[in-house]
Amino acid sequence: MQLARLAPAASHDNHYANWGMGHSIRTGLIVPGRLTRESMLDAIDRRAVFASEDQNLEVRLYAEDRVRAGSELRTLDDEVVLDLYLADPNYRGTYAVTVYRCTVGGD
């Protein structure tokens, strides 16, 4: 059995010399505790990231209500419950969330 470690990234290439400033897309990190260089690099290494077009969106994702995004969950179950918490201080509407599922080596 192989372990695949994937994560989204929100990249942009507009061919203008305003690198990173001409758009609102962001790659966010899910970091428990204090934001330090080490905790942010650890989040990237664990793939605890998300991609968004919202600059101040807060995201928390748990598997089985206890395993944080980027952590490993080993189970014999066929299904796993994911809990996603979203917050945005200047938005009061509903959210559209897309979850992708795949199998390593599959279609």
PDB file of N, CA and C in Angstrom:
ATOM      1  N   MET A   1       0.836  -1.177   0.000  1.00  0.00           N
ATOM      2  CA  MET A   1       0.000   0.000   0.000  1.00  0.00           C
ATOM      3  C   MET A   1       0.885   1.247   0.000  1.00  0.00           C
ATOM      4  N   GLN A   2       0.546   2.209  -0.848  1.00  0.00           N
ATOM      5  CA  GLN A   2       1.297   3.453  -0.935  1.00  0.00           C
ATOM      6  C   GLN A   2       0.515   4.576  -0.273  1.00  0.00           C
ATOM      7  N   LEU A   3       1.227   5.500   0.307  1.00  0.00           N
ATOM      8  CA  LEU A   3       0.606   6.665   0.916  1.00  0.00           C
ATOM      9  C   LEU A   3       0.832   7.860   0.004  1.00  0.00           C
ATOM     10  N   ALA A   4      -0.249   8.445  -0.462  1.00  0.00           N
ATOM     11  CA  ALA A   4      -0.149   9.645  -1.295  1.00  0.00           C
ATOM     12  C   ALA A   4      -0.391  10.859  -0.412  1.00  0.00           C
ATOM     13  N   ARG A   5       0.427  11.875  -0.564  1.00  0.00           N
ATOM     14  CA  ARG A   5       0.286  13.091   0.227  1.00  0.00           C
ATOM     15  C   ARG A   5       0.112  14.254  -0.737  1.00  0.00           C
ATOM     16  N   LEU A   6      -1.114  14.684  -0.893  1.00  0.00           N
ATOM     17  CA  LEU A   6      -1.444  15.745  -1.830  1.00  0.00           C
ATOM     18  C   LEU A   6      -2.006  16.941  -1.092  1.00  0.00           C
ATOM     19  N   ALA A   7      -1.898  18.101  -1.704  1.00  0.00           N
ATOM     20  CA  ALA A   7      -2.465  19.306  -1.112  1.00  0.00           C
ATOM     21  C   ALA A   7      -2.732  20.315  -2.221  1.00  0.00           C
ATOM     22  N   PRO A   8      -3.763  21.143  -2.055  1.00  0.00           N
ATOM     23  CA  PRO A   8      -4.040  22.165  -3.067  1.00  0.00           C
ATOM     24  C   PRO A   8      -3.092  23.350  -2.929  1.00  0.00           C
ATOM     25  N   ALA A   9      -2.920  24.055  -4.006  1.00  0.00           N
ATOM     26  CA  ALA A   9      -2.166  25.311  -4.003  1.00  0.00           C
ATOM     27  C   ALA A   9      -2.897  26.278  -4.921  1.00  0.00           C
ATOM     28  N   ALA A  10      -3.010  27.513  -4.507  1.00  0.00           N
ATOM     29  CA  ALA A  10      -3.668  28.541  -5.313  1.00  0.00           C
ATOM     30  C   ALA A  10      -2.583  29.385  -5.969  1.00  0.00           C
ATOM     31  N   SER A  11      -2.267  29.042  -7.176  1.00  0.00           N
ATOM     32  CA  SER A  11      -1.210  29.784  -7.871  1.00  0.00           C
ATOM     33  C   SER A  11      -1.820  30.699  -8.923  1.00  0.00           C
ATOM     34  N   HIS A  12      -1.018  31.630  -9.406  1.00  0.00           N
ATOM     35  CA  HIS A  12      -1.516  32.603 -10.365  1.00  0.00           C
ATOM     36  C   HIS A  12      -0.363  33.091 -11.230  1.00  0.00           C
ATOM     37  N   ASP A  13      -0.639  33.270 -12.497  1.00  0.00           N
ATOM     38  CA  ASP A  13       0.379  33.763 -13.423  1.00  0.00           C
ATOM     39  C   ASP A  13      -0.297  34.713 -14.394  1.00  0.00           C
ATOM     40  N   ASN A  14      -0.148  36.006 -14.185  1.00  0.00           N
ATOM     41  CA  ASN A  14      -0.797  36.981 -15.062  1.00  0.00           C
ATOM     42  C   ASN A  14       0.189  37.702 -15.979  1.00  0.00           C
ATOM     43  N   HIS A  15       1.463  37.341 -15.918  1.00  0.00           N
ATOM     44  CA  HIS A  15       2.516  37.912 -16.762  1.00  0.00           C
ATOM     45  C   HIS A  15       2.752  39.401 -16.517  1.00  0.00           C
ATOM     46  N   TYR A  16       2.367  39.872 -15.334  1.00  0.00           N
ATOM     47  CA  TYR A  16       2.669  41.238 -14.939  1.00  0.00           C
ATOM     48  C   TYR A  16       3.629  41.206 -13.755  1.00  0.00           C
ATOM     49  N   ALA A  17       4.373  42.270 -13.571  1.00  0.00           N
ATOM     50  CA  ALA A  17       5.383  42.312 -12.514  1.00  0.00           C
ATOM     51  C   ALA A  17       4.784  42.756 -11.173  1.00  0.00           C
ATOM     52  N   ASN A  18       3.627  42.223 -10.822  1.00  0.00           N
ATOM     53  CA  ASN A  18       3.031  42.503  -9.514  1.00  0.00           C
ATOM     54  C   ASN A  18       2.849  41.179  -8.764  1.00  0.00           C
ATOM     55  N   TRP A  19       3.842  40.343  -8.805  1.00  0.00           N
ATOM     56  CA  TRP A  19       3.807  38.983  -8.296  1.00  0.00           C
ATOM     57  C   TRP A  19       3.049  38.857  -6.987  1.00  0.00           C
ATOM     58  N   GLY A  20       1.944  38.123  -7.039  1.00  0.00           N
ATOM     59  CA  GLY A  20       1.164  37.856  -5.851  1.00  0.00           C
ATOM     60  C   GLY A  20       0.242  38.969  -5.402  1.00  0.00           C
ATOM     61  N   MET A  21       0.229  40.101  -6.058  1.00  0.00           N
ATOM     62  CA  MET A  21      -0.567  41.233  -5.597  1.00  0.00           C
ATOM     63  C   MET A  21      -1.765  41.536  -6.496  1.00  0.00           C
ATOM     64  N   GLY A  22      -1.830  40.966  -7.683  1.00  0.00           N
ATOM     65  CA  GLY A  22      -2.872  41.320  -8.642  1.00  0.00           C
ATOM     66  C   GLY A  22      -4.088  40.415  -8.608  1.00  0.00           C
ATOM     67  N   HIS A  23      -4.270  39.642  -7.557  1.00  0.00           N
ATOM     68  CA  HIS A  23      -5.387  38.711  -7.467  1.00  0.00           C
ATOM     69  C   HIS A  23      -5.682  38.421  -5.997  1.00  0.00           C
ATOM     70  N   SER A  24      -6.791  37.749  -5.748  1.00  0.00           N
ATOM     71  CA  SER A  24      -7.172  37.483  -4.357  1.00  0.00           C
ATOM     72  C   SER A  24      -6.994  36.025  -3.955  1.00  0.00           C
ATOM     73  N   ILE A  25      -6.515  35.156  -4.827  1.00  0.00           N
ATOM     74  CA  ILE A  25      -6.388  33.746  -4.460  1.00  0.00           C
ATOM     75  C   ILE A  25      -5.261  33.554  -3.451  1.00  0.00           C
ATOM     76  N   ARG A  26      -5.468  32.599  -2.557  1.00  0.00           N
ATOM     77  CA  ARG A  26      -4.498  32.355  -1.494  1.00  0.00           C
ATOM     78  C   ARG A  26      -4.368  30.868  -1.240  1.00  0.00           C
ATOM     79  N   THR A  27      -3.183  30.445  -0.828  1.00  0.00           N
ATOM     80  CA  THR A  27      -2.990  29.123  -0.252  1.00  0.00           C
ATOM     81  C   THR A  27      -2.903  29.342   1.246  1.00  0.00           C
ATOM     82  N   GLY A  28      -3.861  28.771   1.983  1.00  0.00           N
ATOM     83  CA  GLY A  28      -3.916  28.958   3.430  1.00  0.00           C
ATOM     84  C   GLY A  28      -3.328  27.770   4.154  1.00  0.00           C
ATOM     85  N   LEU A  29      -2.794  28.014   5.336  1.00  0.00           N
ATOM     86  CA  LEU A  29      -2.218  26.963   6.169  1.00  0.00           C
ATOM     87  C   LEU A  29      -3.101  26.727   7.385  1.00  0.00           C
ATOM     88  N   ILE A  30      -3.290  25.473   7.762  1.00  0.00           N
ATOM     89  CA  ILE A  30      -4.030  25.131   8.971  1.00  0.00           C
ATOM     90  C   ILE A  30      -2.990  24.850  10.049  1.00  0.00           C
ATOM     91  N   VAL A  31      -2.801  25.832  10.948  1.00  0.00           N
ATOM     92  CA  VAL A  31      -1.736  25.785  11.940  1.00  0.00           C
ATOM     93  C   VAL A  31      -2.341  25.828  13.341  1.00  0.00           C
ATOM     94  N   PRO A  32      -2.142  24.781  14.135  1.00  0.00           N
ATOM     95  CA  PRO A  32      -2.626  24.831  15.518  1.00  0.00           C
ATOM     96  C   PRO A  32      -1.689  25.696  16.359  1.00  0.00           C
ATOM     97  N   GLY A  33      -2.246  26.447  17.264  1.00  0.00           N
ATOM     98  CA  GLY A  33      -1.403  27.246  18.158  1.00  0.00           C
ATOM     99  C   GLY A  33      -0.841  28.489  17.491  1.00  0.00           C
ATOM    100  N   ARG A  34       0.333  28.893  17.950  1.00  0.00           N
ATOM    101  CA  ARG A  34       0.982  30.129  17.481  1.00  0.00           C
ATOM    102  C   ARG A  34       1.517  29.998  16.068  1.00  0.00           C
ATOM    103  N   LEU A  35       1.435  31.095  15.319  1.00  0.00           N
ATOM    104  CA  LEU A  35       2.033  31.132  13.986  1.00  0.00           C
ATOM    105  C   LEU A  35       3.511  31.453  14.112  1.00  0.00           C
ATOM    106  N   THR A  36       4.322  30.469  13.885  1.00  0.00           N
ATOM    107  CA  THR A  36       5.769  30.655  13.859  1.00  0.00           C
ATOM    108  C   THR A  36       6.277  30.106  12.535  1.00  0.00           C
ATOM    109  N   ARG A  37       7.497  30.423  12.213  1.00  0.00           N
ATOM    110  CA  ARG A  37       8.084  29.882  10.985  1.00  0.00           C
ATOM    111  C   ARG A  37       8.044  28.351  11.006  1.00  0.00           C
ATOM    112  N   GLU A  38       8.384  27.782  12.145  1.00  0.00           N
ATOM    113  CA  GLU A  38       8.421  26.322  12.274  1.00  0.00           C
ATOM    114  C   GLU A  38       7.030  25.706  12.139  1.00  0.00           C
ATOM    115  N   SER A  39       6.017  26.319  12.782  1.00  0.00           N
ATOM    116  CA  SER A  39       4.661  25.751  12.710  1.00  0.00           C
ATOM    117  C   SER A  39       4.086  25.864  11.302  1.00  0.00           C
ATOM    118  N   MET A  40       4.422  26.937  10.585  1.00  0.00           N
ATOM    119  CA  MET A  40       3.937  27.089   9.207  1.00  0.00           C
ATOM    120  C   MET A  40       4.628  26.104   8.269  1.00  0.00           C
ATOM    121  N   LEU A  41       5.931  25.927   8.412  1.00  0.00           N
ATOM    122  CA  LEU A  41       6.638  24.954   7.581  1.00  0.00           C
ATOM    123  C   LEU A  41       6.171  23.535   7.882  1.00  0.00           C
ATOM    124  N   ASP A  42       5.855  23.261   9.151  1.00  0.00           N
ATOM    125  CA  ASP A  42       5.328  21.953   9.528  1.00  0.00           C
ATOM    126  C   ASP A  42       3.963  21.715   8.870  1.00  0.00           C
ATOM    127  N   ALA A  43       3.101  22.738   8.839  1.00  0.00           N
ATOM    128  CA  ALA A  43       1.788  22.611   8.198  1.00  0.00           C
ATOM    129  C   ALA A  43       1.937  22.307   6.706  1.00  0.00           C
ATOM    130  N   ILE A  44       2.880  22.951   6.051  1.00  0.00           N
ATOM    131  CA  ILE A  44       3.120  22.673   4.629  1.00  0.00           C
ATOM    132  C   ILE A  44       3.618  21.249   4.456  1.00  0.00           C
ATOM    133  N   ASP A  45       4.539  20.822   5.298  1.00  0.00           N
ATOM    134  CA  ASP A  45       5.081  19.466   5.207  1.00  0.00           C
ATOM    135  C   ASP A  45       3.999  18.414   5.428  1.00  0.00           C
ATOM    136  N   ARG A  46       3.036  18.698   6.334  1.00  0.00           N
ATOM    137  CA  ARG A  46       1.947  17.759   6.610  1.00  0.00           C
ATOM    138  C   ARG A  46       0.817  17.868   5.589  1.00  0.00           C
ATOM    139  N   ARG A  47       0.916  18.837   4.673  1.00  0.00           N
ATOM    140  CA  ARG A  47      -0.115  19.110   3.665  1.00  0.00           C
ATOM    141  C   ARG A  47      -1.391  19.629   4.314  1.00  0.00           C
ATOM    142  N   ALA A  48      -1.266  20.322   5.430  1.00  0.00           N
ATOM    143  CA  ALA A  48      -2.408  20.922   6.113  1.00  0.00           C
ATOM    144  C   ALA A  48      -2.649  22.306   5.522  1.00  0.00           C
ATOM    145  N   VAL A  49      -3.122  22.331   4.284  1.00  0.00           N
ATOM    146  CA  VAL A  49      -3.317  23.572   3.538  1.00  0.00           C
ATOM    147  C   VAL A  49      -4.665  23.553   2.836  1.00  0.00           C
ATOM    148  N   PHE A  50      -5.090  24.722   2.393  1.00  0.00           N
ATOM    149  CA  PHE A  50      -6.293  24.837   1.575  1.00  0.00           C
ATOM    150  C   PHE A  50      -6.089  25.967   0.582  1.00  0.00           C
ATOM    151  N   ALA A  51      -6.886  25.977  -0.466  1.00  0.00           N
ATOM    152  CA  ALA A  51      -6.819  27.030  -1.476  1.00  0.00           C
ATOM    153  C   ALA A  51      -8.129  27.816  -1.431  1.00  0.00           C
ATOM    154  N   SER A  52      -8.051  29.130  -1.551  1.00  0.00           N
ATOM    155  CA  SER A  52      -9.240  29.963  -1.469  1.00  0.00           C
ATOM    156  C   SER A  52      -9.056  31.250  -2.257  1.00  0.00           C
ATOM    157  N   GLU A  53     -10.176  31.836  -2.675  1.00  0.00           N
ATOM    158  CA  GLU A  53     -10.157  33.168  -3.268  1.00  0.00           C
ATOM    159  C   GLU A  53     -10.534  34.226  -2.240  1.00  0.00           C
ATOM    160  N   ASP A  54     -10.757  33.804  -1.006  1.00  0.00           N
ATOM    161  CA  ASP A  54     -11.154  34.697   0.073  1.00  0.00           C
ATOM    162  C   ASP A  54      -9.944  34.965   0.965  1.00  0.00           C
ATOM    163  N   GLN A  55      -9.591  36.219   1.124  1.00  0.00           N
ATOM    164  CA  GLN A  55      -8.366  36.574   1.833  1.00  0.00           C
ATOM    165  C   GLN A  55      -8.428  36.391   3.341  1.00  0.00           C
ATOM    166  N   ASN A  56      -9.613  36.334   3.934  1.00  0.00           N
ATOM    167  CA  ASN A  56      -9.670  36.181   5.388  1.00  0.00           C
ATOM    168  C   ASN A  56     -10.556  35.002   5.813  1.00  0.00           C
ATOM    169  N   LEU A  57     -10.689  34.012   4.951  1.00  0.00           N
ATOM    170  CA  LEU A  57     -11.441  32.811   5.277  1.00  0.00           C
ATOM    171  C   LEU A  57     -10.666  31.975   6.296  1.00  0.00           C
ATOM    172  N   GLU A  58     -11.361  31.508   7.332  1.00  0.00           N
ATOM    173  CA  GLU A  58     -10.762  30.617   8.320  1.00  0.00           C
ATOM    174  C   GLU A  58     -11.333  29.223   8.097  1.00  0.00           C
ATOM    175  N   VAL A  59     -10.463  28.220   8.082  1.00  0.00           N
ATOM    176  CA  VAL A  59     -10.879  26.851   7.801  1.00  0.00           C
ATOM    177  C   VAL A  59     -10.340  25.918   8.874  1.00  0.00           C
ATOM    178  N   ARG A  60     -11.205  25.016   9.359  1.00  0.00           N
ATOM    179  CA  ARG A  60     -10.775  23.913  10.220  1.00  0.00           C
ATOM    180  C   ARG A  60     -11.400  22.643   9.665  1.00  0.00           C
ATOM    181  N   LEU A  61     -10.612  21.603   9.507  1.00  0.00           N
ATOM    182  CA  LEU A  61     -11.088  20.338   8.957  1.00  0.00           C
ATOM    183  C   LEU A  61     -10.624  19.206   9.857  1.00  0.00           C
ATOM    184  N   TYR A  62     -11.557  18.341  10.232  1.00  0.00           N
ATOM    185  CA  TYR A  62     -11.261  17.198  11.089  1.00  0.00           C
ATOM    186  C   TYR A  62     -11.843  15.931  10.472  1.00  0.00           C
ATOM    187  N   ALA A  63     -11.139  14.829  10.620  1.00  0.00           N
ATOM    188  CA  ALA A  63     -11.666  13.510  10.278  1.00  0.00           C
ATOM    189  C   ALA A  63     -12.081  12.842  11.574  1.00  0.00           C
ATOM    190  N   GLU A  64     -13.266  12.277  11.567  1.00  0.00           N
ATOM    191  CA  GLU A  64     -13.801  11.605  12.762  1.00  0.00           C
ATOM    192  C   GLU A  64     -13.803  12.516  13.982  1.00  0.00           C
ATOM    193  N   ASP A  65     -13.959  13.811  13.763  1.00  0.00           N
ATOM    194  CA  ASP A  65     -14.103  14.831  14.807  1.00  0.00           C
ATOM    195  C   ASP A  65     -12.907  14.925  15.753  1.00  0.00           C
ATOM    196  N   ARG A  66     -11.737  14.405  15.323  1.00  0.00           N
ATOM    197  CA  ARG A  66     -10.590  14.468  16.221  1.00  0.00           C
ATOM    198  C   ARG A  66      -9.248  14.571  15.509  1.00  0.00           C
ATOM    199  N   VAL A  67      -9.170  14.192  14.259  1.00  0.00           N
ATOM    200  CA  VAL A  67      -7.901  14.179  13.536  1.00  0.00           C
ATOM    201  C   VAL A  67      -7.860  15.407  12.623  1.00  0.00           C
ATOM    202  N   ARG A  68      -6.923  16.327  12.909  1.00  0.00           N
ATOM    203  CA  ARG A  68      -6.811  17.573  12.149  1.00  0.00           C
ATOM    204  C   ARG A  68      -6.331  17.323  10.726  1.00  0.00           C
ATOM    205  N   ALA A  69      -6.688  18.232   9.835  1.00  0.00           N
ATOM    206  CA  ALA A  69      -6.209  18.180   8.453  1.00  0.00           C
ATOM    207  C   ALA A  69      -4.689  18.127   8.438  1.00  0.00           C
ATOM    208  N   GLY A  70      -4.145  17.273   7.605  1.00  0.00           N
ATOM    209  CA  GLY A  70      -2.706  17.111   7.521  1.00  0.00           C
ATOM    210  C   GLY A  70      -2.171  16.011   8.411  1.00  0.00           C
ATOM    211  N   SER A  71      -3.001  15.530   9.339  1.00  0.00           N
ATOM    212  CA  SER A  71      -2.597  14.424  10.204  1.00  0.00           C
ATOM    213  C   SER A  71      -2.975  13.107   9.536  1.00  0.00           C
ATOM    214  N   GLU A  72      -2.458  12.012  10.056  1.00  0.00           N
ATOM    215  CA  GLU A  72      -2.770  10.703   9.495  1.00  0.00           C
ATOM    216  C   GLU A  72      -3.882  10.037  10.287  1.00  0.00           C
ATOM    217  N   LEU A  73      -4.762   9.365   9.563  1.00  0.00           N
ATOM    218  CA  LEU A  73      -5.822   8.575  10.180  1.00  0.00           C
ATOM    219  C   LEU A  73      -5.759   7.186   9.565  1.00  0.00           C
ATOM    220  N   ARG A  74      -5.532   6.216  10.395  1.00  0.00           N
ATOM    221  CA  ARG A  74      -5.533   4.823   9.939  1.00  0.00           C
ATOM    222  C   ARG A  74      -6.794   4.167  10.469  1.00  0.00           C
ATOM    223  N   THR A  75      -7.530   3.539   9.553  1.00  0.00           N
ATOM    224  CA  THR A  75      -8.793   2.928   9.945  1.00  0.00           C
ATOM    225  C   THR A  75      -9.078   1.729   9.050  1.00  0.00           C
ATOM    226  N   LEU A  76      -9.858   0.809   9.563  1.00  0.00           N
ATOM    227  CA  LEU A  76     -10.322  -0.329   8.781  1.00  0.00           C
ATOM    228  C   LEU A  76     -11.715  -0.065   8.219  1.00  0.00           C
ATOM    229  N   ASP A  77     -12.308   1.068   8.587  1.00  0.00           N
ATOM    230  CA  ASP A  77     -13.641   1.417   8.113  1.00  0.00           C
ATOM    231  C   ASP A  77     -13.627   1.765   6.627  1.00  0.00           C
ATOM    232  N   ASP A  78     -14.770   1.568   5.972  1.00  0.00           N
ATOM    233  CA  ASP A  78     -14.912   1.906   4.559  1.00  0.00           C
ATOM    234  C   ASP A  78     -15.180   3.392   4.344  1.00  0.00           C
ATOM    235  N   GLU A  79     -15.652   4.059   5.386  1.00  0.00           N
ATOM    236  CA  GLU A  79     -15.992   5.472   5.279  1.00  0.00           C
ATOM    237  C   GLU A  79     -15.418   6.239   6.463  1.00  0.00           C
ATOM    238  N   VAL A  80     -15.171   7.522   6.246  1.00  0.00           N
ATOM    239  CA  VAL A  80     -14.664   8.406   7.293  1.00  0.00           C
ATOM    240  C   VAL A  80     -15.508   9.675   7.260  1.00  0.00           C
ATOM    241  N   VAL A  81     -15.921  10.139   8.425  1.00  0.00           N
ATOM    242  CA  VAL A  81     -16.701  11.366   8.529  1.00  0.00           C
ATOM    243  C   VAL A  81     -15.744  12.559   8.589  1.00  0.00           C
ATOM    244  N   LEU A  82     -15.980  13.545   7.735  1.00  0.00           N
ATOM    245  CA  LEU A  82     -15.196  14.772   7.744  1.00  0.00           C
ATOM    246  C   LEU A  82     -16.064  15.906   8.284  1.00  0.00           C
ATOM    247  N   ASP A  83     -15.497  16.701   9.161  1.00  0.00           N
ATOM    248  CA  ASP A  83     -16.170  17.886   9.677  1.00  0.00           C
ATOM    249  C   ASP A  83     -15.386  19.102   9.216  1.00  0.00           C
ATOM    250  N   LEU A  84     -16.065  20.013   8.529  1.00  0.00           N
ATOM    251  CA  LEU A  84     -15.446  21.214   7.986  1.00  0.00           C
ATOM    252  C   LEU A  84     -16.100  22.427   8.625  1.00  0.00           C
ATOM    253  N   TYR A  85     -15.285  23.296   9.211  1.00  0.00           N
ATOM    254  CA  TYR A  85     -15.765  24.511   9.834  1.00  0.00           C
ATOM    255  C   TYR A  85     -15.188  25.698   9.062  1.00  0.00           C
ATOM    256  N   LEU A  86     -16.060  26.582   8.615  1.00  0.00           N
ATOM    257  CA  LEU A  86     -15.643  27.762   7.861  1.00  0.00           C
ATOM    258  C   LEU A  86     -16.121  29.006   8.591  1.00  0.00           C
ATOM    259  N   ALA A  87     -15.310  30.045   8.581  1.00  0.00           N
ATOM    260  CA  ALA A  87     -15.692  31.320   9.181  1.00  0.00           C
ATOM    261  C   ALA A  87     -15.076  32.451   8.379  1.00  0.00           C
ATOM    262  N   ASP A  88     -15.850  33.506   8.217  1.00  0.00           N
ATOM    263  CA  ASP A  88     -15.384  34.698   7.524  1.00  0.00           C
ATOM    264  C   ASP A  88     -16.020  35.892   8.222  1.00  0.00           C
ATOM    265  N   PRO A  89     -15.225  36.783   8.794  1.00  0.00           N
ATOM    266  CA  PRO A  89     -15.781  37.884   9.581  1.00  0.00           C
ATOM    267  C   PRO A  89     -16.644  38.859   8.775  1.00  0.00           C
ATOM    268  N   ASN A  90     -16.510  38.900   7.454  1.00  0.00           N
ATOM    269  CA  ASN A  90     -17.310  39.856   6.682  1.00  0.00           C
ATOM    270  C   ASN A  90     -18.221  39.168   5.663  1.00  0.00           C
ATOM    271  N   TYR A  91     -18.653  37.919   5.965  1.00  0.00           N
ATOM    272  CA  TYR A  91     -19.572  37.202   5.068  1.00  0.00           C
ATOM    273  C   TYR A  91     -20.621  36.490   5.898  1.00  0.00           C
ATOM    274  N   ARG A  92     -21.879  36.612   5.510  1.00  0.00           N
ATOM    275  CA  ARG A  92     -22.984  36.018   6.268  1.00  0.00           C
ATOM    276  C   ARG A  92     -23.784  35.010   5.446  1.00  0.00           C
ATOM    277  N   GLY A  93     -23.407  34.702   4.235  1.00  0.00           N
ATOM    278  CA  GLY A  93     -24.178  33.802   3.380  1.00  0.00           C
ATOM    279  C   GLY A  93     -23.782  32.351   3.538  1.00  0.00           C
ATOM    280  N   THR A  94     -24.143  31.559   2.557  1.00  0.00           N
ATOM    281  CA  THR A  94     -23.782  30.148   2.545  1.00  0.00           C
ATOM    282  C   THR A  94     -22.470  29.959   1.792  1.00  0.00           C
ATOM    283  N   TYR A  95     -21.848  28.818   1.990  1.00  0.00           N
ATOM    284  CA  TYR A  95     -20.586  28.500   1.339  1.00  0.00           C
ATOM    285  C   TYR A  95     -20.800  27.373   0.336  1.00  0.00           C
ATOM    286  N   ALA A  96     -20.052  27.387  -0.742  1.00  0.00           N
ATOM    287  CA  ALA A  96     -20.009  26.268  -1.685  1.00  0.00           C
ATOM    288  C   ALA A  96     -18.675  25.562  -1.476  1.00  0.00           C
ATOM    289  N   VAL A  97     -18.714  24.288  -1.129  1.00  0.00           N
ATOM    290  CA  VAL A  97     -17.507  23.514  -0.845  1.00  0.00           C
ATOM    291  C   VAL A  97     -17.457  22.336  -1.798  1.00  0.00           C
ATOM    292  N   THR A  98     -16.292  22.105  -2.387  1.00  0.00           N
ATOM    293  CA  THR A  98     -16.102  20.961  -3.265  1.00  0.00           C
ATOM    294  C   THR A  98     -15.073  20.040  -2.628  1.00  0.00           C
ATOM    295  N   VAL A  99     -15.421  18.793  -2.473  1.00  0.00           N
ATOM    296  CA  VAL A  99     -14.510  17.789  -1.923  1.00  0.00           C
ATOM    297  C   VAL A  99     -14.214  16.801  -3.026  1.00  0.00           C
ATOM    298  N   TYR A 100     -12.947  16.588  -3.294  1.00  0.00           N
ATOM    299  CA  TYR A 100     -12.526  15.641  -4.323  1.00  0.00           C
ATOM    300  C   TYR A 100     -12.061  14.349  -3.661  1.00  0.00           C
ATOM    301  N   ARG A 101     -12.440  13.248  -4.257  1.00  0.00           N
ATOM    302  CA  ARG A 101     -12.050  11.942  -3.746  1.00  0.00           C
ATOM    303  C   ARG A 101     -11.431  11.163  -4.885  1.00  0.00           C
ATOM    304  N   CYS A 102     -10.348  10.476  -4.604  1.00  0.00           N
ATOM    305  CA  CYS A 102      -9.710   9.684  -5.651  1.00  0.00           C
ATOM    306  C   CYS A 102      -8.984   8.494  -5.016  1.00  0.00           C
ATOM    307  N   THR A 103      -8.544   7.624  -5.868  1.00  0.00           N
ATOM    308  CA  THR A 103      -7.764   6.480  -5.450  1.00  0.00           C
ATOM    309  C   THR A 103      -6.404   6.546  -6.119  1.00  0.00           C
ATOM    310  N   VAL A 104      -5.336   6.368  -5.353  1.00  0.00           N
ATOM    311  CA  VAL A 104      -4.001   6.411  -5.921  1.00  0.00           C
ATOM    312  C   VAL A 104      -3.906   5.314  -6.977  1.00  0.00           C
ATOM    313  N   GLY A 105      -3.505   5.695  -8.186  1.00  0.00           N
ATOM    314  CA  GLY A 105      -3.400   4.748  -9.280  1.00  0.00           C
ATOM    315  C   GLY A 105      -4.724   4.491  -9.993  1.00  0.00           C
ATOM    316  N   GLY A 106      -5.800   5.140  -9.547  1.00  0.00           N
ATOM    317  CA  GLY A 106      -7.121   4.956 -10.150  1.00  0.00           C
ATOM    318  C   GLY A 106      -7.382   5.993 -11.241  1.00  0.00           C
ATOM    319  N   ASP A 107      -8.609   5.998 -11.709  1.00  0.00           N
ATOM    320  CA  ASP A 107      -9.014   6.972 -12.755  1.00  0.00           C
ATOM    321  C   ASP A 107      -9.199   8.353 -12.173  1.00  0.00           C
TER     322      ASP A 107
END
